Amino acid sequence: NLVFEQNHMKVTCFGIKNDAQRKGFEVILPKNNVVKIDPVQTLYDYIERTREHRGQDGPVFIALRSPYNAVDSSTVSRILEEAIVLAGLSTKELSAKSFRLFVLTYSQQSILYLMWC
């Protein structure tokens, strides 16, 4: 579940291991003042541009070609791994799984960032 607010985006993930009481694991992603690097605006734009291919309750991330199915976790991992390399970061120190730890670390400090659910 994604909710866009004026200064942030709220994401509620259900059925993940951090949601012990099954009420939904809520993550708040604040907007960035620099629009070109604002993840909230980027995701909003992506959702708007892909809305006709996803349907009302469809998956957030879909394939770029018909039949526009949901991308699976291995595809997300591959994209994150490629981004790590393109950013010039060490693949010995970072992997796609590093982003999950990033979410948990910051959420426990009440400074919530979402990289992926």
PDB file of N, CA and C in Angstrom:
ATOM      1  N   ASN A   1       0.847  -1.179   0.000  1.00  0.00           N
ATOM      2  CA  ASN A   1       0.000   0.000   0.000  1.00  0.00           C
ATOM      3  C   ASN A   1       0.893   1.242   0.000  1.00  0.00           C
ATOM      4  N   LEU A   2       0.699   2.124  -0.961  1.00  0.00           N
ATOM      5  CA  LEU A   2       1.463   3.366  -1.065  1.00  0.00           C
ATOM      6  C   LEU A   2       0.530   4.554  -0.893  1.00  0.00           C
ATOM      7  N   VAL A   3       0.937   5.508  -0.053  1.00  0.00           N
ATOM      8  CA  VAL A   3       0.172   6.737   0.139  1.00  0.00           C
ATOM      9  C   VAL A   3       1.146   7.898  -0.001  1.00  0.00           C
ATOM     10  N   PHE A   4       0.860   8.782  -0.948  1.00  0.00           N
ATOM     11  CA  PHE A   4       1.706   9.949  -1.162  1.00  0.00           C
ATOM     12  C   PHE A   4       1.129  11.142  -0.423  1.00  0.00           C
ATOM     13  N   GLU A   5       1.938  11.754   0.425  1.00  0.00           N
ATOM     14  CA  GLU A   5       1.567  12.953   1.169  1.00  0.00           C
ATOM     15  C   GLU A   5       2.401  14.116   0.649  1.00  0.00           C
ATOM     16  N   GLN A   6       2.158  15.302   1.160  1.00  0.00           N
ATOM     17  CA  GLN A   6       2.863  16.487   0.689  1.00  0.00           C
ATOM     18  C   GLN A   6       4.375  16.391   0.907  1.00  0.00           C
ATOM     19  N   ASN A   7       4.810  15.900   2.070  1.00  0.00           N
ATOM     20  CA  ASN A   7       6.233  15.887   2.401  1.00  0.00           C
ATOM     21  C   ASN A   7       6.858  14.504   2.475  1.00  0.00           C
ATOM     22  N   HIS A   8       6.066  13.460   2.207  1.00  0.00           N
ATOM     23  CA  HIS A   8       6.599  12.113   2.316  1.00  0.00           C
ATOM     24  C   HIS A   8       5.696  11.106   1.610  1.00  0.00           C
ATOM     25  N   MET A   9       6.169   9.874   1.590  1.00  0.00           N
ATOM     26  CA  MET A   9       5.386   8.763   1.072  1.00  0.00           C
ATOM     27  C   MET A   9       5.340   7.714   2.180  1.00  0.00           C
ATOM     28  N   LYS A  10       4.174   7.134   2.399  1.00  0.00           N
ATOM     29  CA  LYS A  10       4.022   6.081   3.393  1.00  0.00           C
ATOM     30  C   LYS A  10       3.781   4.763   2.664  1.00  0.00           C
ATOM     31  N   VAL A  11       4.550   3.762   3.027  1.00  0.00           N
ATOM     32  CA  VAL A  11       4.416   2.433   2.441  1.00  0.00           C
ATOM     33  C   VAL A  11       4.083   1.466   3.562  1.00  0.00           C
ATOM     34  N   THR A  12       3.051   0.675   3.349  1.00  0.00           N
ATOM     35  CA  THR A  12       2.701  -0.354   4.319  1.00  0.00           C
ATOM     36  C   THR A  12       2.883  -1.705   3.638  1.00  0.00           C
ATOM     37  N   CYS A  13       3.769  -2.516   4.216  1.00  0.00           N
ATOM     38  CA  CYS A  13       4.054  -3.846   3.685  1.00  0.00           C
ATOM     39  C   CYS A  13       3.388  -4.874   4.596  1.00  0.00           C
ATOM     40  N   PHE A  14       2.717  -5.814   3.995  1.00  0.00           N
ATOM     41  CA  PHE A  14       2.043  -6.862   4.753  1.00  0.00           C
ATOM     42  C   PHE A  14       2.703  -8.204   4.486  1.00  0.00           C
ATOM     43  N   GLY A  15       2.694  -9.061   5.497  1.00  0.00           N
ATOM     44  CA  GLY A  15       3.177 -10.421   5.322  1.00  0.00           C
ATOM     45  C   GLY A  15       4.685 -10.561   5.292  1.00  0.00           C
ATOM     46  N   ILE A  16       5.416  -9.582   5.834  1.00  0.00           N
ATOM     47  CA  ILE A  16       6.862  -9.723   5.906  1.00  0.00           C
ATOM     48  C   ILE A  16       7.251 -10.112   7.323  1.00  0.00           C
ATOM     49  N   LYS A  17       8.439 -10.688   7.485  1.00  0.00           N
ATOM     50  CA  LYS A  17       8.808 -11.226   8.795  1.00  0.00           C
ATOM     51  C   LYS A  17       8.917 -10.171   9.889  1.00  0.00           C
ATOM     52  N   ASN A  18       9.077  -8.896   9.544  1.00  0.00           N
ATOM     53  CA  ASN A  18       9.167  -7.837  10.550  1.00  0.00           C
ATOM     54  C   ASN A  18       7.797  -7.395  11.046  1.00  0.00           C
ATOM     55  N   ASP A  19       6.754  -7.933  10.454  1.00  0.00           N
ATOM     56  CA  ASP A  19       5.381  -7.593  10.820  1.00  0.00           C
ATOM     57  C   ASP A  19       4.817  -8.705  11.703  1.00  0.00           C
ATOM     58  N   ALA A  20       5.364  -8.841  12.897  1.00  0.00           N
ATOM     59  CA  ALA A  20       5.014  -9.947  13.793  1.00  0.00           C
ATOM     60  C   ALA A  20       3.527  -9.997  14.124  1.00  0.00           C
ATOM     61  N   GLN A  21       2.881  -8.844  14.265  1.00  0.00           N
ATOM     62  CA  GLN A  21       1.459  -8.816  14.629  1.00  0.00           C
ATOM     63  C   GLN A  21       0.548  -8.768  13.408  1.00  0.00           C
ATOM     64  N   ARG A  22       1.123  -8.818  12.218  1.00  0.00           N
ATOM     65  CA  ARG A  22       0.371  -8.827  10.943  1.00  0.00           C
ATOM     66  C   ARG A  22      -0.568  -7.634  10.797  1.00  0.00           C
ATOM     67  N   LYS A  23      -0.103  -6.485  11.276  1.00  0.00           N
ATOM     68  CA  LYS A  23      -0.872  -5.252  11.125  1.00  0.00           C
ATOM     69  C   LYS A  23      -0.319  -4.395  10.000  1.00  0.00           C
ATOM     70  N   GLY A  24       0.774  -4.826   9.420  1.00  0.00           N
ATOM     71  CA  GLY A  24       1.428  -4.055   8.381  1.00  0.00           C
ATOM     72  C   GLY A  24       2.677  -3.381   8.937  1.00  0.00           C
ATOM     73  N   PHE A  25       3.733  -3.409   8.176  1.00  0.00           N
ATOM     74  CA  PHE A  25       4.993  -2.789   8.554  1.00  0.00           C
ATOM     75  C   PHE A  25       5.062  -1.469   7.801  1.00  0.00           C
ATOM     76  N   GLU A  26       4.988  -0.364   8.521  1.00  0.00           N
ATOM     77  CA  GLU A  26       4.890   0.957   7.910  1.00  0.00           C
ATOM     78  C   GLU A  26       6.264   1.619   7.788  1.00  0.00           C
ATOM     79  N   VAL A  27       6.520   2.170   6.618  1.00  0.00           N
ATOM     80  CA  VAL A  27       7.776   2.858   6.349  1.00  0.00           C
ATOM     81  C   VAL A  27       7.450   4.231   5.762  1.00  0.00           C
ATOM     82  N   ILE A  28       8.111   5.253   6.270  1.00  0.00           N
ATOM     83  CA  ILE A  28       7.918   6.618   5.774  1.00  0.00           C
ATOM     84  C   ILE A  28       9.176   7.038   5.028  1.00  0.00           C
ATOM     85  N   LEU A  29       9.010   7.489   3.814  1.00  0.00           N
ATOM     86  CA  LEU A  29      10.127   7.980   3.010  1.00  0.00           C
ATOM     87  C   LEU A  29       9.925   9.474   2.795  1.00  0.00           C
ATOM     88  N   PRO A  30      10.782  10.315   3.377  1.00  0.00           N
ATOM     89  CA  PRO A  30      10.624  11.765   3.217  1.00  0.00           C
ATOM     90  C   PRO A  30      11.008  12.219   1.812  1.00  0.00           C
ATOM     91  N   LYS A  31      10.378  13.281   1.350  1.00  0.00           N
ATOM     92  CA  LYS A  31      10.735  13.861   0.060  1.00  0.00           C
ATOM     93  C   LYS A  31      12.089  14.543   0.176  1.00  0.00           C
ATOM     94  N   ASN A  32      12.777  14.622  -0.941  1.00  0.00           N
ATOM     95  CA  ASN A  32      14.051  15.324  -1.020  1.00  0.00           C
ATOM     96  C   ASN A  32      13.791  16.673  -1.685  1.00  0.00           C
ATOM     97  N   ASN A  33      14.419  17.723  -1.206  1.00  0.00           N
ATOM     98  CA  ASN A  33      14.224  19.051  -1.783  1.00  0.00           C
ATOM     99  C   ASN A  33      14.781  19.171  -3.191  1.00  0.00           C
ATOM    100  N   VAL A  34      15.706  18.291  -3.546  1.00  0.00           N
ATOM    101  CA  VAL A  34      16.273  18.290  -4.894  1.00  0.00           C
ATOM    102  C   VAL A  34      15.439  17.333  -5.737  1.00  0.00           C
ATOM    103  N   VAL A  35      14.577  17.872  -6.586  1.00  0.00           N
ATOM    104  CA  VAL A  35      13.602  17.076  -7.323  1.00  0.00           C
ATOM    105  C   VAL A  35      14.259  15.987  -8.167  1.00  0.00           C
ATOM    106  N   LYS A  36      15.416  16.269  -8.759  1.00  0.00           N
ATOM    107  CA  LYS A  36      16.063  15.300  -9.638  1.00  0.00           C
ATOM    108  C   LYS A  36      16.524  14.044  -8.909  1.00  0.00           C
ATOM    109  N   ILE A  37      16.676  14.110  -7.596  1.00  0.00           N
ATOM    110  CA  ILE A  37      17.090  12.925  -6.835  1.00  0.00           C
ATOM    111  C   ILE A  37      16.057  12.540  -5.775  1.00  0.00           C
ATOM    112  N   ASP A  38      14.858  13.042  -5.912  1.00  0.00           N
ATOM    113  CA  ASP A  38      13.794  12.758  -4.946  1.00  0.00           C
ATOM    114  C   ASP A  38      13.167  11.393  -5.247  1.00  0.00           C
ATOM    115  N   PRO A  39      13.376  10.395  -4.384  1.00  0.00           N
ATOM    116  CA  PRO A  39      12.801   9.069  -4.642  1.00  0.00           C
ATOM    117  C   PRO A  39      11.278   9.052  -4.579  1.00  0.00           C
ATOM    118  N   VAL A  40      10.692   9.929  -3.786  1.00  0.00           N
ATOM    119  CA  VAL A  40       9.234   9.984  -3.680  1.00  0.00           C
ATOM    120  C   VAL A  40       8.632  10.462  -5.002  1.00  0.00           C
ATOM    121  N   GLN A  41       9.155  11.529  -5.552  1.00  0.00           N
ATOM    122  CA  GLN A  41       8.651  12.048  -6.832  1.00  0.00           C
ATOM    123  C   GLN A  41       8.911  11.056  -7.957  1.00  0.00           C
ATOM    124  N   THR A  42      10.079  10.414  -7.922  1.00  0.00           N
ATOM    125  CA  THR A  42      10.409   9.430  -8.952  1.00  0.00           C
ATOM    126  C   THR A  42       9.426   8.269  -8.936  1.00  0.00           C
ATOM    127  N   LEU A  43       9.120   7.754  -7.752  1.00  0.00           N
ATOM    128  CA  LEU A  43       8.171   6.645  -7.657  1.00  0.00           C
ATOM    129  C   LEU A  43       6.762   7.090  -8.046  1.00  0.00           C
ATOM    130  N   TYR A  44       6.397   8.289  -7.640  1.00  0.00           N
ATOM    131  CA  TYR A  44       5.082   8.822  -8.020  1.00  0.00           C
ATOM    132  C   TYR A  44       4.964   8.910  -9.549  1.00  0.00           C
ATOM    133  N   ASP A  45       5.985   9.458 -10.185  1.00  0.00           N
ATOM    134  CA  ASP A  45       5.977   9.576 -11.656  1.00  0.00           C
ATOM    135  C   ASP A  45       5.899   8.200 -12.319  1.00  0.00           C
ATOM    136  N   TYR A  46       6.662   7.247 -11.798  1.00  0.00           N
ATOM    137  CA  TYR A  46       6.654   5.892 -12.341  1.00  0.00           C
ATOM    138  C   TYR A  46       5.257   5.279 -12.234  1.00  0.00           C
ATOM    139  N   ILE A  47       4.645   5.422 -11.077  1.00  0.00           N
ATOM    140  CA  ILE A  47       3.313   4.855 -10.865  1.00  0.00           C
ATOM    141  C   ILE A  47       2.291   5.488 -11.805  1.00  0.00           C
ATOM    142  N   GLU A  48       2.364   6.791 -11.964  1.00  0.00           N
ATOM    143  CA  GLU A  48       1.442   7.472 -12.873  1.00  0.00           C
ATOM    144  C   GLU A  48       1.632   7.006 -14.319  1.00  0.00           C
ATOM    145  N   ARG A  49       2.879   6.850 -14.738  1.00  0.00           N
ATOM    146  CA  ARG A  49       3.169   6.463 -16.123  1.00  0.00           C
ATOM    147  C   ARG A  49       2.843   5.009 -16.415  1.00  0.00           C
ATOM    148  N   THR A  50       2.814   4.169 -15.396  1.00  0.00           N
ATOM    149  CA  THR A  50       2.533   2.744 -15.605  1.00  0.00           C
ATOM    150  C   THR A  50       1.133   2.338 -15.151  1.00  0.00           C
ATOM    151  N   ARG A  51       0.352   3.297 -14.701  1.00  0.00           N
ATOM    152  CA  ARG A  51      -0.972   2.997 -14.130  1.00  0.00           C
ATOM    153  C   ARG A  51      -1.850   2.153 -15.060  1.00  0.00           C
ATOM    154  N   GLU A  52      -1.885   2.461 -16.334  1.00  0.00           N
ATOM    155  CA  GLU A  52      -2.768   1.736 -17.244  1.00  0.00           C
ATOM    156  C   GLU A  52      -2.354   0.277 -17.425  1.00  0.00           C
ATOM    157  N   HIS A  53      -1.107  -0.062 -17.109  1.00  0.00           N
ATOM    158  CA  HIS A  53      -0.628  -1.436 -17.258  1.00  0.00           C
ATOM    159  C   HIS A  53      -0.696  -2.227 -15.958  1.00  0.00           C
ATOM    160  N   ARG A  54      -0.890  -1.556 -14.839  1.00  0.00           N
ATOM    161  CA  ARG A  54      -0.894  -2.220 -13.543  1.00  0.00           C
ATOM    162  C   ARG A  54      -2.287  -2.490 -13.001  1.00  0.00           C
ATOM    163  N   GLY A  55      -3.256  -1.706 -13.341  1.00  0.00           N
ATOM    164  CA  GLY A  55      -4.576  -1.842 -12.743  1.00  0.00           C
ATOM    165  C   GLY A  55      -4.610  -1.204 -11.366  1.00  0.00           C
ATOM    166  N   GLN A  56      -5.746  -1.180 -10.751  1.00  0.00           N
ATOM    167  CA  GLN A  56      -5.933  -0.502  -9.460  1.00  0.00           C
ATOM    168  C   GLN A  56      -5.123  -1.135  -8.335  1.00  0.00           C
ATOM    169  N   ASP A  57      -5.158  -2.455  -8.228  1.00  0.00           N
ATOM    170  CA  ASP A  57      -4.487  -3.147  -7.136  1.00  0.00           C
ATOM    171  C   ASP A  57      -3.324  -4.000  -7.624  1.00  0.00           C
ATOM    172  N   GLY A  58      -2.791  -3.656  -8.774  1.00  0.00           N
ATOM    173  CA  GLY A  58      -1.702  -4.442  -9.341  1.00  0.00           C
ATOM    174  C   GLY A  58      -0.386  -4.211  -8.629  1.00  0.00           C
ATOM    175  N   PRO A  59       0.649  -4.957  -9.018  1.00  0.00           N
ATOM    176  CA  PRO A  59       1.968  -4.803  -8.411  1.00  0.00           C
ATOM    177  C   PRO A  59       2.557  -3.429  -8.732  1.00  0.00           C
ATOM    178  N   VAL A  60       3.443  -2.965  -7.889  1.00  0.00           N
ATOM    179  CA  VAL A  60       4.076  -1.664  -8.118  1.00  0.00           C
ATOM    180  C   VAL A  60       5.070  -1.754  -9.262  1.00  0.00           C
ATOM    181  N   PHE A  61       5.959  -2.740  -9.206  1.00  0.00           N
ATOM    182  CA  PHE A  61       7.010  -2.854 -10.214  1.00  0.00           C
ATOM    183  C   PHE A  61       6.641  -3.922 -11.230  1.00  0.00           C
ATOM    184  N   ILE A  62       6.557  -3.493 -12.491  1.00  0.00           N
ATOM    185  CA  ILE A  62       6.147  -4.392 -13.566  1.00  0.00           C
ATOM    186  C   ILE A  62       7.199  -4.401 -14.673  1.00  0.00           C
ATOM    187  N   ALA A  63       7.109  -5.453 -15.500  1.00  0.00           N
ATOM    188  CA  ALA A  63       7.987  -5.553 -16.662  1.00  0.00           C
ATOM    189  C   ALA A  63       7.692  -4.399 -17.612  1.00  0.00           C
ATOM    190  N   LEU A  64       8.697  -4.003 -18.356  1.00  0.00           N
ATOM    191  CA  LEU A  64       8.533  -2.870 -19.261  1.00  0.00           C
ATOM    192  C   LEU A  64       7.888  -3.246 -20.589  1.00  0.00           C
ATOM    193  N   ARG A  65       7.692  -4.537 -20.811  1.00  0.00           N
ATOM    194  CA  ARG A  65       7.070  -5.011 -22.046  1.00  0.00           C
ATOM    195  C   ARG A  65       5.826  -5.831 -21.727  1.00  0.00           C
ATOM    196  N   SER A  66       4.910  -5.849 -22.663  1.00  0.00           N
ATOM    197  CA  SER A  66       3.696  -6.644 -22.531  1.00  0.00           C
ATOM    198  C   SER A  66       4.089  -8.096 -22.299  1.00  0.00           C
ATOM    199  N   PRO A  67       3.458  -8.784 -21.392  1.00  0.00           N
ATOM    200  CA  PRO A  67       2.167  -8.544 -20.755  1.00  0.00           C
ATOM    201  C   PRO A  67       2.253  -7.769 -19.436  1.00  0.00           C
ATOM    202  N   TYR A  68       3.350  -7.081 -19.146  1.00  0.00           N
ATOM    203  CA  TYR A  68       3.503  -6.202 -17.969  1.00  0.00           C
ATOM    204  C   TYR A  68       3.254  -6.931 -16.649  1.00  0.00           C
ATOM    205  N   ASN A  69       3.826  -8.111 -16.525  1.00  0.00           N
ATOM    206  CA  ASN A  69       3.704  -8.872 -15.281  1.00  0.00           C
ATOM    207  C   ASN A  69       4.561  -8.246 -14.188  1.00  0.00           C
ATOM    208  N   ALA A  70       4.284  -8.618 -12.955  1.00  0.00           N
ATOM    209  CA  ALA A  70       5.088  -8.157 -11.826  1.00  0.00           C
ATOM    210  C   ALA A  70       6.510  -8.665 -11.986  1.00  0.00           C
ATOM    211  N   VAL A  71       7.480  -7.816 -11.653  1.00  0.00           N
ATOM    212  CA  VAL A  71       8.863  -8.293 -11.661  1.00  0.00           C
ATOM    213  C   VAL A  71       9.086  -9.102 -10.382  1.00  0.00           C
ATOM    214  N   ASP A  72       9.893 -10.145 -10.488  1.00  0.00           N
ATOM    215  CA  ASP A  72      10.128 -10.972  -9.310  1.00  0.00           C
ATOM    216  C   ASP A  72      11.345 -10.476  -8.534  1.00  0.00           C
ATOM    217  N   SER A  73      11.570 -11.059  -7.370  1.00  0.00           N
ATOM    218  CA  SER A  73      12.645 -10.598  -6.493  1.00  0.00           C
ATOM    219  C   SER A  73      14.019 -10.744  -7.138  1.00  0.00           C
ATOM    220  N   SER A  74      14.206 -11.748  -7.986  1.00  0.00           N
ATOM    221  CA  SER A  74      15.509 -11.916  -8.639  1.00  0.00           C
ATOM    222  C   SER A  74      15.779 -10.770  -9.619  1.00  0.00           C
ATOM    223  N   THR A  75      14.748 -10.263 -10.260  1.00  0.00           N
ATOM    224  CA  THR A  75      14.907  -9.118 -11.167  1.00  0.00           C
ATOM    225  C   THR A  75      15.267  -7.866 -10.378  1.00  0.00           C
ATOM    226  N   VAL A  76      14.585  -7.647  -9.259  1.00  0.00           N
ATOM    227  CA  VAL A  76      14.895  -6.497  -8.408  1.00  0.00           C
ATOM    228  C   VAL A  76      16.333  -6.605  -7.908  1.00  0.00           C
ATOM    229  N   SER A  77      16.747  -7.787  -7.488  1.00  0.00           N
ATOM    230  CA  SER A  77      18.117  -7.995  -7.009  1.00  0.00           C
ATOM    231  C   SER A  77      19.132  -7.690  -8.098  1.00  0.00           C
ATOM    232  N   ARG A  78      18.867  -8.155  -9.310  1.00  0.00           N
ATOM    233  CA  ARG A  78      19.785  -7.908 -10.429  1.00  0.00           C
ATOM    234  C   ARG A  78      19.915  -6.415 -10.715  1.00  0.00           C
ATOM    235  N   ILE A  79      18.807  -5.701 -10.696  1.00  0.00           N
ATOM    236  CA  ILE A  79      18.823  -4.255 -10.938  1.00  0.00           C
ATOM    237  C   ILE A  79      19.621  -3.541  -9.847  1.00  0.00           C
ATOM    238  N   LEU A  80      19.416  -3.927  -8.593  1.00  0.00           N
ATOM    239  CA  LEU A  80      20.168  -3.316  -7.490  1.00  0.00           C
ATOM    240  C   LEU A  80      21.655  -3.614  -7.609  1.00  0.00           C
ATOM    241  N   GLU A  81      22.009  -4.852  -7.985  1.00  0.00           N
ATOM    242  CA  GLU A  81      23.414  -5.216  -8.159  1.00  0.00           C
ATOM    243  C   GLU A  81      24.052  -4.375  -9.273  1.00  0.00           C
ATOM    244  N   GLU A  82      23.325  -4.185 -10.371  1.00  0.00           N
ATOM    245  CA  GLU A  82      23.841  -3.358 -11.471  1.00  0.00           C
ATOM    246  C   GLU A  82      24.020  -1.913 -11.027  1.00  0.00           C
ATOM    247  N   ALA A  83      23.085  -1.406 -10.235  1.00  0.00           N
ATOM    248  CA  ALA A  83      23.177  -0.026  -9.742  1.00  0.00           C
ATOM    249  C   ALA A  83      24.384   0.147  -8.820  1.00  0.00           C
ATOM    250  N   ILE A  84      24.665  -0.871  -8.005  1.00  0.00           N
ATOM    251  CA  ILE A  84      25.827  -0.821  -7.115  1.00  0.00           C
ATOM    252  C   ILE A  84      27.105  -0.701  -7.944  1.00  0.00           C
ATOM    253  N   VAL A  85      27.213  -1.499  -9.003  1.00  0.00           N
ATOM    254  CA  VAL A  85      28.388  -1.462  -9.874  1.00  0.00           C
ATOM    255  C   VAL A  85      28.483  -0.116 -10.590  1.00  0.00           C
ATOM    256  N   LEU A  86      27.373   0.357 -11.147  1.00  0.00           N
ATOM    257  CA  LEU A  86      27.373   1.640 -11.870  1.00  0.00           C
ATOM    258  C   LEU A  86      27.734   2.817 -10.965  1.00  0.00           C
ATOM    259  N   ALA A  87      27.404   2.690  -9.685  1.00  0.00           N
ATOM    260  CA  ALA A  87      27.727   3.754  -8.733  1.00  0.00           C
ATOM    261  C   ALA A  87      29.185   3.677  -8.279  1.00  0.00           C
ATOM    262  N   GLY A  88      29.900   2.644  -8.740  1.00  0.00           N
ATOM    263  CA  GLY A  88      31.302   2.501  -8.382  1.00  0.00           C
ATOM    264  C   GLY A  88      31.521   1.998  -6.968  1.00  0.00           C
ATOM    265  N   LEU A  89      30.515   1.339  -6.398  1.00  0.00           N
ATOM    266  CA  LEU A  89      30.625   0.819  -5.034  1.00  0.00           C
ATOM    267  C   LEU A  89      31.121  -0.622  -5.059  1.00  0.00           C
ATOM    268  N   SER A  90      31.655  -1.070  -3.959  1.00  0.00           N
ATOM    269  CA  SER A  90      32.226  -2.407  -3.862  1.00  0.00           C
ATOM    270  C   SER A  90      31.146  -3.469  -3.744  1.00  0.00           C
ATOM    271  N   THR A  91      31.156  -4.419  -4.663  1.00  0.00           N
ATOM    272  CA  THR A  91      30.206  -5.523  -4.592  1.00  0.00           C
ATOM    273  C   THR A  91      30.625  -6.547  -3.548  1.00  0.00           C
ATOM    274  N   LYS A  92      31.845  -6.410  -3.020  1.00  0.00           N
ATOM    275  CA  LYS A  92      32.273  -7.281  -1.922  1.00  0.00           C
ATOM    276  C   LYS A  92      31.655  -6.820  -0.607  1.00  0.00           C
ATOM    277  N   GLU A  93      31.347  -5.528  -0.520  1.00  0.00           N
ATOM    278  CA  GLU A  93      30.771  -4.966   0.701  1.00  0.00           C
ATOM    279  C   GLU A  93      29.265  -4.764   0.620  1.00  0.00           C
ATOM    280  N   LEU A  94      28.751  -4.613  -0.591  1.00  0.00           N
ATOM    281  CA  LEU A  94      27.316  -4.362  -0.777  1.00  0.00           C
ATOM    282  C   LEU A  94      26.711  -5.382  -1.729  1.00  0.00           C
ATOM    283  N   SER A  95      25.461  -5.702  -1.473  1.00  0.00           N
ATOM    284  CA  SER A  95      24.695  -6.558  -2.381  1.00  0.00           C
ATOM    285  C   SER A  95      23.248  -6.089  -2.325  1.00  0.00           C
ATOM    286  N   ALA A  96      22.393  -6.711  -3.097  1.00  0.00           N
ATOM    287  CA  ALA A  96      20.972  -6.356  -3.064  1.00  0.00           C
ATOM    288  C   ALA A  96      20.402  -6.550  -1.658  1.00  0.00           C
ATOM    289  N   LYS A  97      20.881  -7.552  -0.944  1.00  0.00           N
ATOM    290  CA  LYS A  97      20.387  -7.803   0.414  1.00  0.00           C
ATOM    291  C   LYS A  97      20.784  -6.694   1.384  1.00  0.00           C
ATOM    292  N   SER A  98      21.814  -5.935   1.051  1.00  0.00           N
ATOM    293  CA  SER A  98      22.229  -4.823   1.905  1.00  0.00           C
ATOM    294  C   SER A  98      21.118  -3.795   2.057  1.00  0.00           C
ATOM    295  N   PHE A  99      20.271  -3.669   1.059  1.00  0.00           N
ATOM    296  CA  PHE A  99      19.200  -2.689   1.104  1.00  0.00           C
ATOM    297  C   PHE A  99      18.137  -3.063   2.136  1.00  0.00           C
ATOM    298  N   ARG A 100      17.934  -4.338   2.374  1.00  0.00           N
ATOM    299  CA  ARG A 100      16.983  -4.765   3.408  1.00  0.00           C
ATOM    300  C   ARG A 100      17.487  -4.354   4.780  1.00  0.00           C
ATOM    301  N   LEU A 101      18.766  -4.564   5.044  1.00  0.00           N
ATOM    302  CA  LEU A 101      19.356  -4.162   6.308  1.00  0.00           C
ATOM    303  C   LEU A 101      19.250  -2.652   6.489  1.00  0.00           C
ATOM    304  N   PHE A 102      19.439  -1.902   5.416  1.00  0.00           N
ATOM    305  CA  PHE A 102      19.343  -0.451   5.439  1.00  0.00           C
ATOM    306  C   PHE A 102      17.966  -0.015   5.924  1.00  0.00           C
ATOM    307  N   VAL A 103      16.924  -0.645   5.422  1.00  0.00           N
ATOM    308  CA  VAL A 103      15.557  -0.317   5.835  1.00  0.00           C
ATOM    309  C   VAL A 103      15.370  -0.586   7.315  1.00  0.00           C
ATOM    310  N   LEU A 104      15.780  -1.755   7.764  1.00  0.00           N
ATOM    311  CA  LEU A 104      15.578  -2.123   9.162  1.00  0.00           C
ATOM    312  C   LEU A 104      16.363  -1.233  10.103  1.00  0.00           C
ATOM    313  N   THR A 105      17.609  -0.936   9.766  1.00  0.00           N
ATOM    314  CA  THR A 105      18.449  -0.102  10.626  1.00  0.00           C
ATOM    315  C   THR A 105      17.817   1.259  10.830  1.00  0.00           C
ATOM    316  N   TYR A 106      17.404   1.902   9.755  1.00  0.00           N
ATOM    317  CA  TYR A 106      16.841   3.233   9.875  1.00  0.00           C
ATOM    318  C   TYR A 106      15.445   3.219  10.489  1.00  0.00           C
ATOM    319  N   SER A 107      14.659   2.178  10.222  1.00  0.00           N
ATOM    320  CA  SER A 107      13.312   2.149  10.797  1.00  0.00           C
ATOM    321  C   SER A 107      13.385   2.012  12.313  1.00  0.00           C
ATOM    322  N   GLN A 108      14.380   1.306  12.813  1.00  0.00           N
ATOM    323  CA  GLN A 108      14.516   1.149  14.253  1.00  0.00           C
ATOM    324  C   GLN A 108      14.934   2.449  14.916  1.00  0.00           C
ATOM    325  N   GLN A 109      15.488   3.372  14.154  1.00  0.00           N
ATOM    326  CA  GLN A 109      15.882   4.668  14.687  1.00  0.00           C
ATOM    327  C   GLN A 109      14.803   5.720  14.444  1.00  0.00           C
ATOM    328  N   SER A 110      13.676   5.303  13.917  1.00  0.00           N
ATOM    329  CA  SER A 110      12.554   6.190  13.578  1.00  0.00           C
ATOM    330  C   SER A 110      12.899   7.217  12.511  1.00  0.00           C
ATOM    331  N   ILE A 111      13.941   6.942  11.747  1.00  0.00           N
ATOM    332  CA  ILE A 111      14.248   7.731  10.552  1.00  0.00           C
ATOM    333  C   ILE A 111      14.056   6.745   9.415  1.00  0.00           C
ATOM    334  N   LEU A 112      12.861   6.711   8.871  1.00  0.00           N
ATOM    335  CA  LEU A 112      12.480   5.609   8.010  1.00  0.00           C
ATOM    336  C   LEU A 112      12.726   5.889   6.536  1.00  0.00           C
ATOM    337  N   TYR A 113      13.392   4.954   5.912  1.00  0.00           N
ATOM    338  CA  TYR A 113      13.666   5.027   4.483  1.00  0.00           C
ATOM    339  C   TYR A 113      13.255   3.711   3.862  1.00  0.00           C
ATOM    340  N   LEU A 114      12.728   3.755   2.682  1.00  0.00           N
ATOM    341  CA  LEU A 114      12.339   2.531   1.987  1.00  0.00           C
ATOM    342  C   LEU A 114      13.207   2.348   0.767  1.00  0.00           C
ATOM    343  N   MET A 115      13.846   1.214   0.693  1.00  0.00           N
ATOM    344  CA  MET A 115      14.570   0.871  -0.512  1.00  0.00           C
ATOM    345  C   MET A 115      13.776  -0.182  -1.282  1.00  0.00           C
ATOM    346  N   TRP A 116      13.204  -1.108  -0.507  1.00  0.00           N
ATOM    347  CA  TRP A 116      12.338  -2.098  -1.146  1.00  0.00           C
ATOM    348  C   TRP A 116      11.621  -2.892  -0.091  1.00  0.00           C
ATOM    349  N   CYS A 117      10.419  -3.346  -0.407  1.00  0.00           N
ATOM    350  CA  CYS A 117       9.644  -4.197   0.503  1.00  0.00           C
ATOM    351  C   CYS A 117       9.648  -5.592  -0.025  1.00  0.00           C
TER     352      CYS A 117
END
